[in-house]
Amino acid sequence: MRTFRSKPKSGWTPTSNQHVARNYVLSLKAKGLLVTFLSQPDGSGMTVERLAYLHKAAGGKGEGEHAIREALKELRAAGLVTHAKEKGKGGRWQTTTLVSDTPEGLLLLLKQISPDP
């Protein structure tokens, strides 16, 4: 195999070779979902439902919500995605999805959201 890599100055998403690109335990679908999540700006409102809608609306293969949720389970099991509940404005609970390309990065995100006392 020969590989050409473009080197854009912006508009690209770096990721871990060890935990993502060369992780042969994760399905290709889970890896694709992870890269899609990592490409979103911090604080974006991307949801499973929105992602399924965007793929279908673009005329793509259009993985449905079930397939996306299955890939999400893989990413959670690999320690690359988790959900944190926190009280938002007005005392209402909200769920934030945390995503990283390494398990260590995910732990850092968790500490930022709920630092130790």
N, C-alpha and C. Protein backbone atom coordinates (compact mmCIF):
# COMPACT_ATOMS: atom_id res chain seq x y z
N MET A 1 0.84 -1.17 0.00
CA MET A 1 0.00 0.00 0.00
C MET A 1 0.89 1.24 0.00
N ARG A 2 0.52 2.21 -0.80
CA ARG A 2 1.20 3.51 -0.80
C ARG A 2 0.22 4.53 -0.26
N THR A 3 0.72 5.47 0.48
CA THR A 3 -0.15 6.44 1.15
C THR A 3 0.29 7.86 0.84
N PHE A 4 -0.66 8.71 0.53
CA PHE A 4 -0.42 10.15 0.39
C PHE A 4 -1.18 10.85 1.50
N ARG A 5 -0.51 11.70 2.23
CA ARG A 5 -1.17 12.45 3.30
C ARG A 5 -1.11 13.94 2.97
N SER A 6 -2.26 14.55 2.88
CA SER A 6 -2.28 16.00 2.71
C SER A 6 -1.92 16.63 4.04
N LYS A 7 -1.43 17.82 4.01
CA LYS A 7 -1.05 18.49 5.26
C LYS A 7 -1.75 19.84 5.34
N PRO A 8 -3.07 19.80 5.55
CA PRO A 8 -3.80 21.07 5.62
C PRO A 8 -3.42 21.86 6.87
N LYS A 9 -3.50 23.17 6.76
CA LYS A 9 -3.19 24.02 7.91
C LYS A 9 -4.38 24.11 8.86
N SER A 10 -5.58 23.83 8.36
CA SER A 10 -6.77 23.84 9.20
C SER A 10 -7.80 22.88 8.62
N GLY A 11 -8.84 22.61 9.40
CA GLY A 11 -9.91 21.75 8.92
C GLY A 11 -9.59 20.26 8.95
N TRP A 12 -8.74 19.83 9.85
CA TRP A 12 -8.45 18.41 9.97
C TRP A 12 -8.50 18.00 11.43
N THR A 13 -8.60 16.70 11.68
CA THR A 13 -8.76 16.19 13.04
C THR A 13 -7.64 15.19 13.35
N PRO A 14 -6.72 15.55 14.25
CA PRO A 14 -5.69 14.60 14.64
C PRO A 14 -6.29 13.52 15.54
N THR A 15 -5.72 12.34 15.50
CA THR A 15 -6.21 11.26 16.35
C THR A 15 -5.06 10.30 16.69
N SER A 16 -5.26 9.51 17.69
CA SER A 16 -4.24 8.58 18.16
C SER A 16 -4.16 7.35 17.26
N ASN A 17 -2.95 7.02 16.81
CA ASN A 17 -2.78 5.77 16.06
C ASN A 17 -3.05 4.57 16.95
N GLN A 18 -2.51 4.60 18.18
CA GLN A 18 -2.63 3.46 19.08
C GLN A 18 -4.07 3.17 19.47
N HIS A 19 -4.81 4.21 19.84
CA HIS A 19 -6.15 3.98 20.39
C HIS A 19 -7.26 4.03 19.34
N VAL A 20 -6.96 4.56 18.15
CA VAL A 20 -8.01 4.69 17.14
C VAL A 20 -7.59 4.03 15.83
N ALA A 21 -6.69 4.65 15.10
CA ALA A 21 -6.37 4.21 13.74
C ALA A 21 -5.91 2.75 13.67
N ARG A 22 -5.07 2.34 14.61
CA ARG A 22 -4.55 0.96 14.58
C ARG A 22 -5.16 0.09 15.67
N ASN A 23 -6.31 0.49 16.15
CA ASN A 23 -7.04 -0.31 17.13
C ASN A 23 -7.89 -1.31 16.35
N TYR A 24 -7.46 -2.55 16.32
CA TYR A 24 -8.15 -3.56 15.51
C TYR A 24 -9.28 -4.24 16.27
N VAL A 25 -9.51 -3.82 17.51
CA VAL A 25 -10.65 -4.32 18.28
C VAL A 25 -11.90 -3.53 17.93
N LEU A 26 -11.75 -2.21 17.75
CA LEU A 26 -12.90 -1.37 17.39
C LEU A 26 -13.33 -1.63 15.95
N SER A 27 -14.62 -1.61 15.72
CA SER A 27 -15.12 -1.75 14.35
C SER A 27 -14.81 -0.48 13.57
N LEU A 28 -14.79 -0.60 12.26
CA LEU A 28 -14.58 0.57 11.42
C LEU A 28 -15.70 1.59 11.62
N LYS A 29 -16.90 1.10 11.88
CA LYS A 29 -18.03 2.00 12.13
C LYS A 29 -17.80 2.83 13.40
N ALA A 30 -17.29 2.18 14.46
CA ALA A 30 -17.01 2.90 15.70
C ALA A 30 -15.89 3.92 15.50
N LYS A 31 -14.87 3.55 14.74
CA LYS A 31 -13.78 4.50 14.46
C LYS A 31 -14.30 5.70 13.68
N GLY A 32 -15.15 5.45 12.70
CA GLY A 32 -15.73 6.55 11.92
C GLY A 32 -16.56 7.48 12.79
N LEU A 33 -17.34 6.89 13.70
CA LEU A 33 -18.15 7.71 14.60
C LEU A 33 -17.26 8.55 15.51
N LEU A 34 -16.19 7.95 16.01
CA LEU A 34 -15.28 8.68 16.89
C LEU A 34 -14.66 9.87 16.15
N VAL A 35 -14.19 9.65 14.94
CA VAL A 35 -13.59 10.74 14.18
C VAL A 35 -14.63 11.83 13.89
N THR A 36 -15.86 11.42 13.61
CA THR A 36 -16.93 12.40 13.39
C THR A 36 -17.16 13.23 14.65
N PHE A 37 -17.22 12.58 15.80
CA PHE A 37 -17.40 13.32 17.06
C PHE A 37 -16.21 14.24 17.33
N LEU A 38 -14.99 13.73 17.12
CA LEU A 38 -13.80 14.54 17.38
C LEU A 38 -13.70 15.74 16.45
N SER A 39 -14.33 15.66 15.29
CA SER A 39 -14.27 16.77 14.33
C SER A 39 -15.23 17.91 14.69
N GLN A 40 -16.12 17.66 15.64
CA GLN A 40 -17.08 18.69 16.05
C GLN A 40 -16.41 19.70 16.99
N PRO A 41 -16.84 20.96 16.93
CA PRO A 41 -16.28 21.93 17.88
C PRO A 41 -16.72 21.60 19.31
N ASP A 42 -15.88 21.96 20.27
CA ASP A 42 -16.20 21.73 21.67
C ASP A 42 -17.52 22.41 22.00
N GLY A 43 -18.40 21.69 22.67
CA GLY A 43 -19.68 22.26 23.05
C GLY A 43 -20.76 22.14 21.99
N SER A 44 -20.47 21.46 20.89
CA SER A 44 -21.49 21.33 19.84
C SER A 44 -22.65 20.49 20.36
N GLY A 45 -23.78 20.66 19.76
CA GLY A 45 -24.98 19.94 20.19
C GLY A 45 -25.22 18.68 19.38
N MET A 46 -24.16 18.00 18.96
CA MET A 46 -24.33 16.80 18.14
C MET A 46 -24.94 15.68 18.98
N THR A 47 -25.99 15.08 18.45
CA THR A 47 -26.66 13.96 19.10
C THR A 47 -26.74 12.81 18.12
N VAL A 48 -27.08 11.65 18.63
CA VAL A 48 -27.26 10.47 17.77
C VAL A 48 -28.34 10.76 16.73
N GLU A 49 -29.43 11.35 17.18
CA GLU A 49 -30.54 11.64 16.27
C GLU A 49 -30.12 12.63 15.18
N ARG A 50 -29.41 13.66 15.58
CA ARG A 50 -28.97 14.68 14.61
C ARG A 50 -27.99 14.08 13.61
N LEU A 51 -27.07 13.26 14.08
CA LEU A 51 -26.09 12.63 13.21
C LEU A 51 -26.77 11.72 12.19
N ALA A 52 -27.73 10.92 12.64
CA ALA A 52 -28.47 10.04 11.72
C ALA A 52 -29.22 10.88 10.68
N TYR A 53 -29.82 11.97 11.12
CA TYR A 53 -30.55 12.85 10.20
C TYR A 53 -29.60 13.46 9.16
N LEU A 54 -28.45 13.97 9.60
CA LEU A 54 -27.50 14.61 8.68
C LEU A 54 -27.02 13.64 7.61
N HIS A 55 -26.74 12.40 8.00
CA HIS A 55 -26.27 11.41 7.02
C HIS A 55 -27.37 11.07 6.02
N LYS A 56 -28.57 10.92 6.51
CA LYS A 56 -29.69 10.60 5.61
C LYS A 56 -29.98 11.77 4.68
N ALA A 57 -29.99 12.99 5.22
CA ALA A 57 -30.29 14.18 4.42
C ALA A 57 -29.23 14.44 3.36
N ALA A 58 -27.98 14.06 3.63
CA ALA A 58 -26.90 14.27 2.67
C ALA A 58 -26.91 13.23 1.56
N GLY A 59 -27.79 12.24 1.67
CA GLY A 59 -27.87 11.20 0.65
C GLY A 59 -26.83 10.11 0.83
N GLY A 60 -26.21 10.08 2.00
CA GLY A 60 -25.20 9.06 2.28
C GLY A 60 -25.84 7.72 2.60
N LYS A 61 -25.02 6.77 3.02
CA LYS A 61 -25.53 5.45 3.35
C LYS A 61 -26.59 5.56 4.43
N GLY A 62 -26.43 6.54 5.29
CA GLY A 62 -27.48 6.81 6.27
C GLY A 62 -27.63 5.78 7.35
N GLU A 63 -26.52 5.49 8.07
CA GLU A 63 -26.65 4.63 9.24
C GLU A 63 -27.74 5.20 10.13
N GLY A 64 -28.58 4.33 10.61
CA GLY A 64 -29.66 4.79 11.47
C GLY A 64 -29.21 4.95 12.91
N GLU A 65 -30.13 5.39 13.73
CA GLU A 65 -29.83 5.63 15.14
C GLU A 65 -29.36 4.36 15.84
N HIS A 66 -29.96 3.22 15.50
CA HIS A 66 -29.56 1.96 16.15
C HIS A 66 -28.09 1.65 15.87
N ALA A 67 -27.67 1.77 14.62
CA ALA A 67 -26.27 1.48 14.27
C ALA A 67 -25.32 2.45 14.96
N ILE A 68 -25.71 3.70 15.05
CA ILE A 68 -24.88 4.70 15.71
C ILE A 68 -24.77 4.40 17.20
N ARG A 69 -25.89 4.00 17.82
CA ARG A 69 -25.86 3.66 19.25
C ARG A 69 -24.98 2.44 19.51
N GLU A 70 -25.00 1.47 18.62
CA GLU A 70 -24.14 0.29 18.78
C GLU A 70 -22.67 0.68 18.71
N ALA A 71 -22.32 1.56 17.78
CA ALA A 71 -20.94 2.03 17.67
C ALA A 71 -20.56 2.82 18.92
N LEU A 72 -21.50 3.58 19.44
CA LEU A 72 -21.27 4.36 20.66
C LEU A 72 -20.97 3.44 21.85
N LYS A 73 -21.66 2.30 21.92
CA LYS A 73 -21.40 1.31 22.98
C LYS A 73 -19.96 0.82 22.92
N GLU A 74 -19.48 0.56 21.70
CA GLU A 74 -18.09 0.13 21.52
C GLU A 74 -17.12 1.18 22.04
N LEU A 75 -17.39 2.44 21.72
CA LEU A 75 -16.51 3.52 22.14
C LEU A 75 -16.52 3.70 23.65
N ARG A 76 -17.68 3.50 24.26
CA ARG A 76 -17.76 3.57 25.73
C ARG A 76 -16.94 2.44 26.34
N ALA A 77 -17.09 1.23 25.80
CA ALA A 77 -16.36 0.08 26.33
C ALA A 77 -14.84 0.26 26.18
N ALA A 78 -14.42 0.98 25.15
CA ALA A 78 -12.99 1.22 24.91
C ALA A 78 -12.46 2.39 25.74
N GLY A 79 -13.34 3.06 26.49
CA GLY A 79 -12.91 4.18 27.32
C GLY A 79 -12.65 5.45 26.54
N LEU A 80 -13.32 5.60 25.39
CA LEU A 80 -13.12 6.79 24.55
C LEU A 80 -14.30 7.74 24.59
N VAL A 81 -15.43 7.28 25.12
CA VAL A 81 -16.64 8.10 25.22
C VAL A 81 -17.30 7.80 26.56
N THR A 82 -17.82 8.82 27.20
CA THR A 82 -18.64 8.63 28.39
C THR A 82 -19.66 9.76 28.46
N HIS A 83 -20.57 9.65 29.38
CA HIS A 83 -21.59 10.67 29.57
C HIS A 83 -21.50 11.16 31.02
N ALA A 84 -21.55 12.46 31.20
CA ALA A 84 -21.50 13.05 32.54
C ALA A 84 -22.77 13.85 32.76
N LYS A 85 -23.39 13.64 33.92
CA LYS A 85 -24.59 14.40 34.27
C LYS A 85 -24.17 15.51 35.22
N GLU A 86 -24.69 16.70 34.95
CA GLU A 86 -24.40 17.83 35.82
C GLU A 86 -25.60 18.75 35.87
N LYS A 87 -25.69 19.48 36.97
CA LYS A 87 -26.80 20.43 37.10
C LYS A 87 -26.52 21.65 36.25
N GLY A 88 -27.50 21.97 35.43
CA GLY A 88 -27.38 23.13 34.57
C GLY A 88 -28.08 24.32 35.17
N LYS A 89 -28.38 25.29 34.34
CA LYS A 89 -29.08 26.49 34.78
C LYS A 89 -30.46 26.12 35.30
N GLY A 90 -30.86 26.76 36.37
CA GLY A 90 -32.17 26.49 36.94
C GLY A 90 -32.25 25.18 37.70
N GLY A 91 -31.10 24.54 37.95
CA GLY A 91 -31.09 23.31 38.72
C GLY A 91 -31.50 22.06 37.96
N ARG A 92 -31.71 22.19 36.65
CA ARG A 92 -32.09 21.02 35.84
C ARG A 92 -30.85 20.22 35.47
N TRP A 93 -30.99 18.91 35.48
CA TRP A 93 -29.89 18.03 35.12
C TRP A 93 -29.74 18.00 33.61
N GLN A 94 -28.48 17.98 33.17
CA GLN A 94 -28.21 17.83 31.74
C GLN A 94 -27.10 16.81 31.56
N THR A 95 -27.12 16.13 30.44
CA THR A 95 -26.11 15.12 30.14
C THR A 95 -25.17 15.68 29.09
N THR A 96 -23.88 15.57 29.36
CA THR A 96 -22.86 16.00 28.42
C THR A 96 -22.10 14.76 27.97
N THR A 97 -21.92 14.62 26.67
CA THR A 97 -21.12 13.52 26.13
C THR A 97 -19.68 13.98 26.06
N LEU A 98 -18.78 13.19 26.63
CA LEU A 98 -17.35 13.48 26.63
C LEU A 98 -16.67 12.52 25.68
N VAL A 99 -15.82 13.04 24.82
CA VAL A 99 -15.17 12.24 23.77
C VAL A 99 -13.68 12.56 23.74
N SER A 100 -12.86 11.53 23.62
CA SER A 100 -11.42 11.72 23.47
C SER A 100 -10.86 10.61 22.59
N ASP A 101 -9.69 10.86 22.00
CA ASP A 101 -9.07 9.80 21.19
C ASP A 101 -8.16 8.91 22.03
N THR A 102 -8.09 9.17 23.35
CA THR A 102 -7.36 8.28 24.26
C THR A 102 -8.13 8.16 25.57
N PRO A 103 -8.04 7.02 26.24
CA PRO A 103 -8.70 6.89 27.55
C PRO A 103 -8.17 7.91 28.56
N GLU A 104 -6.87 8.24 28.47
CA GLU A 104 -6.29 9.22 29.39
C GLU A 104 -6.91 10.60 29.17
N GLY A 105 -7.15 10.94 27.92
CA GLY A 105 -7.78 12.22 27.60
C GLY A 105 -9.19 12.29 28.15
N LEU A 106 -9.89 11.17 28.12
CA LEU A 106 -11.25 11.13 28.65
C LEU A 106 -11.24 11.36 30.17
N LEU A 107 -10.26 10.78 30.85
CA LEU A 107 -10.14 11.00 32.30
C LEU A 107 -9.87 12.47 32.61
N LEU A 108 -9.05 13.13 31.79
CA LEU A 108 -8.79 14.56 31.98
C LEU A 108 -10.06 15.38 31.81
N LEU A 109 -10.87 15.03 30.80
CA LEU A 109 -12.15 15.73 30.60
C LEU A 109 -13.06 15.54 31.81
N LEU A 110 -13.12 14.32 32.33
CA LEU A 110 -13.95 14.06 33.51
C LEU A 110 -13.51 14.90 34.70
N LYS A 111 -12.19 15.02 34.89
CA LYS A 111 -11.68 15.82 36.01
C LYS A 111 -12.03 17.30 35.84
N GLN A 112 -12.05 17.77 34.60
CA GLN A 112 -12.41 19.18 34.35
C GLN A 112 -13.86 19.44 34.72
N ILE A 113 -14.71 18.45 34.46
CA ILE A 113 -16.14 18.62 34.72
C ILE A 113 -16.45 18.48 36.20
N SER A 114 -15.81 17.50 36.85
CA SER A 114 -16.06 17.30 38.29
C SER A 114 -14.72 17.15 39.00
N PRO A 115 -14.03 18.28 39.26
CA PRO A 115 -12.73 18.20 39.94
C PRO A 115 -12.87 17.66 41.36
N ASP A 116 -11.82 16.99 41.79
CA ASP A 116 -11.81 16.45 43.16
C ASP A 116 -11.84 17.61 44.16
N PRO A 117 -12.55 17.41 45.29
CA PRO A 117 -12.62 18.48 46.30
C PRO A 117 -11.29 18.69 46.98
